[in-house]
Protein backbone atom coordinates (compact mmCIF):
# COMPACT_ATOMS: atom_id res chain seq x y z
CA MET A 1 78.90 114.22 112.85
CA THR A 2 82.32 112.72 112.33
CA CYS A 3 82.69 112.35 108.55
CA PHE A 4 84.00 108.92 107.54
CA ILE A 5 85.11 108.16 103.99
CA LEU A 6 83.48 104.71 104.22
CA PRO A 7 79.81 104.99 105.29
CA ALA A 8 78.47 102.80 108.07
CA HIS A 9 75.80 101.23 105.87
CA LEU A 10 78.51 99.79 103.61
CA GLN A 11 80.33 98.31 106.59
CA ILE A 12 77.12 96.60 107.67
CA GLU A 13 76.33 95.32 104.18
CA LEU A 14 79.84 93.90 103.78
CA ALA A 15 79.60 92.17 107.16
CA GLU A 16 76.16 90.72 106.42
CA ALA A 17 77.42 89.36 103.10
CA GLY A 18 80.31 87.68 104.91
CA ASN A 19 82.90 89.81 103.12
CA VAL A 20 84.37 91.17 106.36
CA ASP A 21 84.46 89.97 109.94
CA ILE A 22 81.45 91.27 111.87
CA ARG A 23 83.78 92.09 114.79
CA ASP A 24 85.79 94.46 112.60
CA ALA A 25 82.60 96.17 111.42
CA ILE A 26 81.36 96.56 115.00
CA ARG A 27 84.69 98.04 116.09
CA THR A 28 84.50 100.65 113.33
CA LEU A 29 80.87 101.44 114.10
CA LEU A 30 81.67 101.92 117.78
CA ALA A 31 84.47 104.33 116.89
CA SER A 32 81.99 106.25 114.74
CA ALA A 33 79.50 106.50 117.59
CA THR A 34 82.14 107.68 120.06
CA LEU A 35 83.37 110.44 117.77
CA ARG A 36 79.94 111.55 116.55
CA ALA A 37 79.06 113.81 119.47
CA GLN A 38 82.49 115.47 119.47
CA ARG A 39 82.33 116.67 115.89
CA ALA A 40 78.69 117.75 116.16
CA THR A 41 79.54 119.84 119.22
CA LEU A 42 82.55 121.44 117.55
CA THR A 43 80.61 122.30 114.40
CA GLU A 44 77.82 123.88 116.43
CA ALA A 45 80.42 125.85 118.40
CA VAL A 46 82.02 127.20 115.23
CA GLN A 47 78.67 128.10 113.63
CA PHE A 48 76.66 129.44 116.54
CA LEU A 49 79.00 130.34 119.40
CA ASP A 50 81.45 132.32 117.25
CA LEU A 51 84.42 130.25 118.35
CA ASN A 52 87.32 130.71 115.99
CA ALA A 53 90.08 128.34 115.02
CA ALA A 54 92.54 129.85 117.47
CA GLN A 55 90.26 128.92 120.37
CA LEU A 56 90.05 125.30 119.17
CA ARG A 57 93.66 124.52 118.31
CA GLY A 58 95.67 127.73 118.09
CA PRO A 59 96.78 129.90 115.13
CA ALA A 60 99.66 128.65 113.03
CA GLY A 61 100.24 130.23 109.63
CA GLU A 62 100.94 127.40 107.20
CA PHE A 63 101.76 124.46 109.42
CA LYS A 64 101.17 120.76 108.89
CA ALA A 65 101.95 117.93 111.27
CA VAL A 66 101.48 114.17 111.19
CA HIS A 67 101.23 112.04 114.33
CA ASP A 68 101.35 108.27 114.85
CA VAL A 69 98.51 106.81 116.95
CA GLN A 70 100.44 103.49 117.08
CA GLY A 71 97.32 101.38 116.85
CA GLY A 72 95.47 103.35 119.51
CA ASP A 73 91.94 104.73 119.40
CA GLU A 74 90.25 108.11 119.81
CA ARG A 75 91.54 108.36 123.40
CA THR A 76 95.15 108.51 122.18
CA LEU A 77 94.70 111.12 119.43
CA PRO A 78 96.65 112.83 118.02
CA GLY A 79 99.49 110.44 118.99
CA VAL A 80 103.24 110.80 118.75
CA LEU A 81 104.50 113.62 116.50
CA ARG A 82 106.41 112.10 113.58
CA ARG A 83 106.71 114.85 110.96
CA LYS A 84 106.06 118.59 110.99
CA GLU A 85 106.44 121.58 108.69
CA GLY A 86 110.01 121.84 107.45
CA ASP A 87 110.94 118.22 108.17
CA GLY A 88 112.09 115.83 105.47
CA VAL A 89 110.58 112.45 104.69
CA ILE A 90 110.82 109.69 107.29
CA ASN A 91 110.83 105.92 106.97
CA ASP A 92 107.04 105.57 107.29
CA ALA A 93 104.97 105.69 104.11
CA ALA A 94 101.72 106.52 105.92
CA VAL A 95 103.27 109.54 107.64
CA ASP A 96 104.85 110.86 104.46
CA ASP A 97 101.72 110.21 102.35
CA ALA A 98 99.47 112.00 104.85
CA PHE A 99 101.86 114.96 105.06
CA ASP A 100 102.44 115.30 101.31
CA ASN A 101 98.76 114.99 100.39
CA ALA A 102 97.78 117.51 103.07
CA ASP A 103 100.42 119.82 101.59
CA ARG A 104 98.97 119.40 98.09
CA THR A 105 95.48 120.08 99.42
CA TYR A 106 96.65 123.19 101.29
CA ASP A 107 98.36 124.44 98.11
CA PHE A 108 95.19 123.90 96.07
CA TYR A 109 93.00 125.89 98.46
CA ARG A 110 95.60 128.67 98.76
CA ASP A 111 96.64 128.97 95.11
CA VAL A 112 93.28 128.36 93.41
CA LEU A 113 90.72 129.62 95.91
CA GLY A 114 92.74 132.02 98.07
CA ARG A 115 91.90 130.09 101.24
CA HIS A 116 94.57 129.37 103.84
CA SER A 117 93.75 126.06 105.54
CA VAL A 118 90.32 124.88 106.65
CA ASP A 119 89.43 128.03 108.59
CA GLY A 120 90.75 130.47 105.98
CA ASN A 121 93.29 131.79 108.47
CA GLY A 122 96.09 129.24 108.42
CA LEU A 123 94.79 126.78 111.00
CA LYS A 124 97.32 124.04 111.70
CA LEU A 125 96.53 120.92 109.65
CA VAL A 126 96.94 117.95 111.96
CA SER A 127 96.81 114.37 110.72
CA SER A 128 97.09 111.07 112.58
CA VAL A 129 97.98 107.73 110.97
CA HIS A 130 98.03 104.09 112.12
CA PHE A 131 94.68 104.55 113.88
CA GLY A 132 93.30 101.29 115.30
CA ARG A 133 94.15 97.80 114.08
CA ASP A 134 93.65 97.26 110.33
CA PHE A 135 91.10 100.09 110.56
CA ASP A 136 89.20 100.42 107.27
CA ASN A 137 88.34 104.10 107.39
CA ALA A 138 89.52 107.70 107.41
CA PHE A 139 87.71 110.64 108.98
CA TRP A 140 87.64 114.29 109.99
CA ASP A 141 86.81 114.47 113.70
CA GLY A 142 86.14 118.20 113.94
CA THR A 143 89.75 119.22 114.58
CA GLN A 144 91.96 116.92 112.53
CA MET A 145 92.26 114.12 109.94
CA VAL A 146 92.65 110.49 110.99
CA TYR A 147 93.65 107.53 108.81
CA GLY A 148 93.46 103.82 109.46
CA ASP A 149 95.87 101.40 107.81
CA GLY A 150 93.22 99.32 106.04
CA SER A 151 92.74 95.58 106.39
CA GLY A 152 93.22 94.58 102.79
CA LYS A 153 89.57 93.51 102.67
CA VAL A 154 87.79 96.86 102.28
CA PHE A 155 90.81 99.06 101.58
CA GLN A 156 94.31 98.12 100.54
CA PRO A 157 96.93 98.47 103.30
CA GLY A 158 98.22 102.04 103.43
CA ALA A 159 95.85 103.27 100.73
CA LEU A 160 93.79 105.76 102.75
CA ALA A 161 96.60 108.22 103.51
CA ARG A 162 98.13 107.54 100.09
CA ASP A 163 95.06 108.50 98.05
CA ILE A 164 94.90 112.24 97.46
CA THR A 165 91.12 112.27 96.92
CA VAL A 166 90.60 110.72 100.36
CA VAL A 167 92.87 113.29 102.00
CA GLY A 168 91.32 116.17 100.05
CA HIS A 169 87.85 114.88 100.91
CA GLU A 170 88.54 114.78 104.66
CA ILE A 171 90.22 118.19 104.76
CA THR A 172 87.27 119.66 102.86
CA HIS A 173 84.95 118.50 105.64
CA GLY A 174 86.93 120.93 107.77
CA VAL A 175 86.38 123.69 105.21
CA VAL A 176 82.63 122.97 105.26
CA GLN A 177 82.70 123.16 109.07
CA TYR A 178 84.17 126.67 108.92
CA THR A 179 81.95 127.91 106.08
CA ALA A 180 78.36 126.77 105.56
CA GLY A 181 78.48 124.22 108.38
CA LEU A 182 76.11 121.95 106.46
CA ARG A 183 74.32 119.73 108.98
CA TYR A 184 75.12 116.06 108.57
CA ARG A 185 71.62 114.85 107.83
CA LYS A 186 69.33 114.39 104.81
CA GLN A 187 70.04 116.78 101.90
CA SER A 188 72.26 119.20 103.80
CA GLY A 189 74.41 116.24 104.82
CA ALA A 190 74.48 114.93 101.25
CA LEU A 191 75.68 118.38 100.15
CA ASN A 192 78.36 118.19 102.87
CA GLU A 193 79.55 114.85 101.45
CA SER A 194 79.31 116.09 97.88
CA MET A 195 81.39 119.20 98.59
CA ALA A 196 84.06 116.92 100.08
CA ASP A 197 84.01 114.74 96.96
CA VAL A 198 84.02 117.74 94.60
CA PHE A 199 87.10 119.32 96.14
CA GLY A 200 88.78 115.99 96.78
CA SER A 201 88.55 115.34 93.05
CA LEU A 202 89.68 118.86 92.19
CA VAL A 203 92.74 118.56 94.44
CA LYS A 204 93.74 115.44 92.49
CA GLN A 205 93.06 117.07 89.11
CA HIS A 206 95.09 120.13 90.11
CA ALA A 207 98.01 118.04 91.37
CA LEU A 208 98.07 116.00 88.15
CA GLY A 209 97.34 118.92 85.82
CA HIS A 210 94.31 117.09 84.40
CA SER A 211 91.54 118.92 82.59
CA ALA A 212 87.89 118.09 83.21
CA ASP A 213 87.95 115.78 80.18
CA GLN A 214 91.11 114.00 81.34
CA ALA A 215 89.98 113.50 84.94
CA ASP A 216 88.74 110.10 86.13
CA TRP A 217 86.12 111.67 88.47
CA LEU A 218 86.66 108.84 90.97
CA ILE A 219 86.99 109.06 94.74
CA GLY A 220 89.39 106.41 95.97
CA ALA A 221 90.38 105.02 92.57
CA GLY A 222 92.23 101.73 92.82
CA ILE A 223 92.36 101.57 96.62
CA LEU A 224 89.62 99.00 97.27
CA GLY A 225 90.49 95.72 98.93
CA THR A 226 89.59 92.16 98.04
CA GLN A 227 85.99 92.24 99.29
CA LEU A 228 84.74 95.49 97.76
CA GLN A 229 84.95 94.87 94.04
CA GLY A 230 85.03 97.89 91.75
CA VAL A 231 87.04 100.80 90.43
CA ALA A 232 86.66 103.19 93.36
CA LEU A 233 84.61 104.09 96.41
CA ARG A 234 82.48 106.59 94.45
CA SER A 235 82.16 107.83 90.89
CA MET A 236 81.08 111.40 90.24
CA LYS A 237 80.71 110.67 86.52
CA ASP A 238 78.63 107.50 87.00
CA PRO A 239 77.07 107.45 90.49
CA GLY A 240 75.98 103.93 91.42
CA ARG A 241 78.66 102.17 89.33
CA ALA A 242 81.79 102.41 91.46
CA HIS A 243 81.55 98.98 93.17
CA GLN A 244 79.17 96.08 93.71
CA LEU A 245 77.32 97.70 96.64
CA ASP A 246 77.15 101.21 95.22
CA ARG A 247 73.56 102.49 95.22
CA GLN A 248 74.13 106.19 94.66
CA PRO A 249 71.48 107.80 92.44
CA ALA A 250 72.42 110.20 89.66
CA HIS A 251 68.95 111.80 89.40
CA MET A 252 66.20 112.92 91.78
CA ARG A 253 63.84 110.32 90.30
CA SER A 254 65.97 107.73 92.14
CA TYR A 255 66.45 109.74 95.34
CA VAL A 256 66.66 107.42 98.37
CA ASP A 257 64.41 108.85 101.09
CA LEU A 258 65.81 107.48 104.36
CA PRO A 259 65.05 108.53 107.93
CA ASP A 260 67.65 110.32 110.02
CA ASP A 261 66.99 108.07 113.00
CA GLY A 262 70.43 107.12 114.27
CA ASN A 263 70.32 103.71 112.61
CA PRO A 264 73.65 103.33 110.80
CA ARG A 265 71.89 101.47 107.98
CA ASN A 266 70.11 104.73 107.10
CA ASP A 267 73.25 106.79 106.58
CA ASN A 268 72.01 109.86 108.49
CA GLY A 269 69.15 110.11 106.03
CA GLY A 270 71.22 109.11 103.01
CA VAL A 271 74.13 111.55 103.18
CA HIS A 272 76.63 109.30 101.37
CA ILE A 273 74.00 107.73 99.12
CA ASN A 274 72.22 110.83 97.79
CA SER A 275 75.43 112.84 97.40
CA GLY A 276 75.61 111.21 93.97
CA ILE A 277 73.02 113.70 92.70
CA PRO A 278 74.95 116.94 93.43
CA ASN A 279 78.16 115.13 92.46
CA LYS A 280 76.71 114.47 89.03
CA ALA A 281 75.53 118.09 88.74
CA PHE A 282 79.09 119.27 89.35
CA HIS A 283 80.55 116.76 86.89
CA LEU A 284 78.12 117.90 84.19
CA THR A 285 78.94 121.55 84.86
CA ALA A 286 82.70 121.02 84.78
CA THR A 287 82.77 118.90 81.63
CA ARG A 288 80.36 121.17 79.77
CA LEU A 289 82.47 124.23 80.61
CA GLY A 290 85.64 122.34 79.66
CA GLY A 291 89.21 123.23 80.46
CA ASN A 292 90.41 122.89 84.04
CA ALA A 293 87.48 122.16 86.34
CA TRP A 294 88.94 124.27 89.14
CA ASP A 295 89.06 127.44 87.02
CA ARG A 296 85.32 128.03 86.75
CA ALA A 297 83.15 125.20 88.11
CA GLY A 298 85.31 124.81 91.23
CA LYS A 299 85.30 128.54 91.95
CA VAL A 300 81.52 128.67 91.52
CA TRP A 301 80.96 125.81 93.98
CA TYR A 302 83.43 127.27 96.46
CA ASP A 303 81.82 130.71 96.34
CA ALA A 304 78.42 129.16 96.98
CA LEU A 305 79.79 127.14 99.90
CA ALA A 306 81.65 130.04 101.47
CA THR A 307 79.13 132.85 100.96
CA LYS A 308 75.63 131.53 100.27
CA LEU A 309 74.85 128.07 101.69
CA ARG A 310 73.67 127.68 105.28
CA VAL A 311 73.46 124.85 107.78
CA ASN A 312 70.15 123.42 106.52
CA SER A 313 70.50 124.13 102.79
CA ASP A 314 68.95 121.52 100.50
CA PHE A 315 69.62 120.59 96.87
CA ALA A 316 67.31 123.29 95.48
CA GLU A 317 69.08 125.94 97.54
CA ALA A 318 72.46 124.63 96.38
CA ALA A 319 71.31 124.88 92.76
CA ALA A 320 70.14 128.46 93.27
CA ALA A 321 73.32 129.38 95.13
CA THR A 322 75.67 127.98 92.47
CA VAL A 323 73.70 129.65 89.68
CA ALA A 324 73.92 132.98 91.54
CA SER A 325 77.65 132.52 92.16
CA ALA A 326 78.21 131.65 88.51
CA GLN A 327 76.35 134.77 87.39
CA THR A 328 78.40 136.99 89.72
CA LEU A 329 81.77 135.44 88.92
CA PHE A 330 81.49 134.62 85.22
CA GLY A 331 78.24 135.91 83.76
CA SER A 332 75.15 134.47 82.13
CA ASP A 333 76.74 131.86 79.88
CA VAL A 334 78.31 129.99 82.80
CA ALA A 335 75.22 130.50 84.96
CA ASN A 336 73.11 128.89 82.25
CA VAL A 337 75.42 125.85 82.15
CA VAL A 338 75.14 125.48 85.92
CA ARG A 339 71.36 125.80 85.79
CA ALA A 340 71.07 123.21 83.01
CA SER A 341 73.29 120.76 84.87
CA TRP A 342 71.12 120.88 87.99
CA ASN A 343 68.01 120.55 85.83
CA ASP A 344 69.49 117.46 84.19
CA VAL A 345 69.77 115.69 87.57
CA GLY A 346 66.21 116.66 88.45
CA VAL A 347 66.92 119.64 90.70
CA SER A 348 65.41 122.95 89.64
């Protein structure tokens, strides 16, 4: 599935409440439906047909590029090349924000986790900006990142490419595609979304030099528009409290059991909604361990993603995998913290 930062169920709820024009919501939903099959096919190809990154877009070393879709849709991706590796800034904030935040994300994965780009082998990071007209979303489509400009109603104009957690989140969906390949449904899909939030937050913390105690643990802090009132799109510290429509649970007792039936109201079985539970488990682990969250908690989660989780892994398997990774990397004390954190969100 194409992974959008703003879930479809929120678009529908905002439209039904009269906060956004129903036509804008429909346009975004149609774009989601068009791109859905493409990303699903690419993920299956990577996981089961042994296609490598070079066969999908070509090897690159470290190379980042930003294109301008000029208000076009998925048929015009990636758009006109505006900035590439080695170029200086240009007179377009969206282009420069997308490039610089992709660069910071690349540096985080390389310097902290030893991973070069989404495929681990230097795959070219391609971004496209100015997608659609006042498009209130950003997404990973299976080969690249795409950012709308925002309408001012759901997201502030220019905020999606500007916010490092959004960029880190979308790039991490590419990492998931090339590692565990977590299927975008039910608990495996919620883990997919949670991994994107975890590393989106860690990219920001690393760029700012913030410890786990200093971090805000927010995804999309301060980028919401006039009709989505709150502090951010999601809160890893306090799931369910980021904005007025946030219904993320922080514990399995409040797990939202939705069908994966293609109805956008049901969020592919609750992938964005229930990701609050593993998000909270990571937040508890990182703050209990203290220091920089990327030093231990981040490396544990990455090791589990890269070496232990599989396409249909659920929350219990993620708990077991992170405990095992913690034991291998750091020993029993850290493993016990990880285990306790999962227990405290109702996952054993």
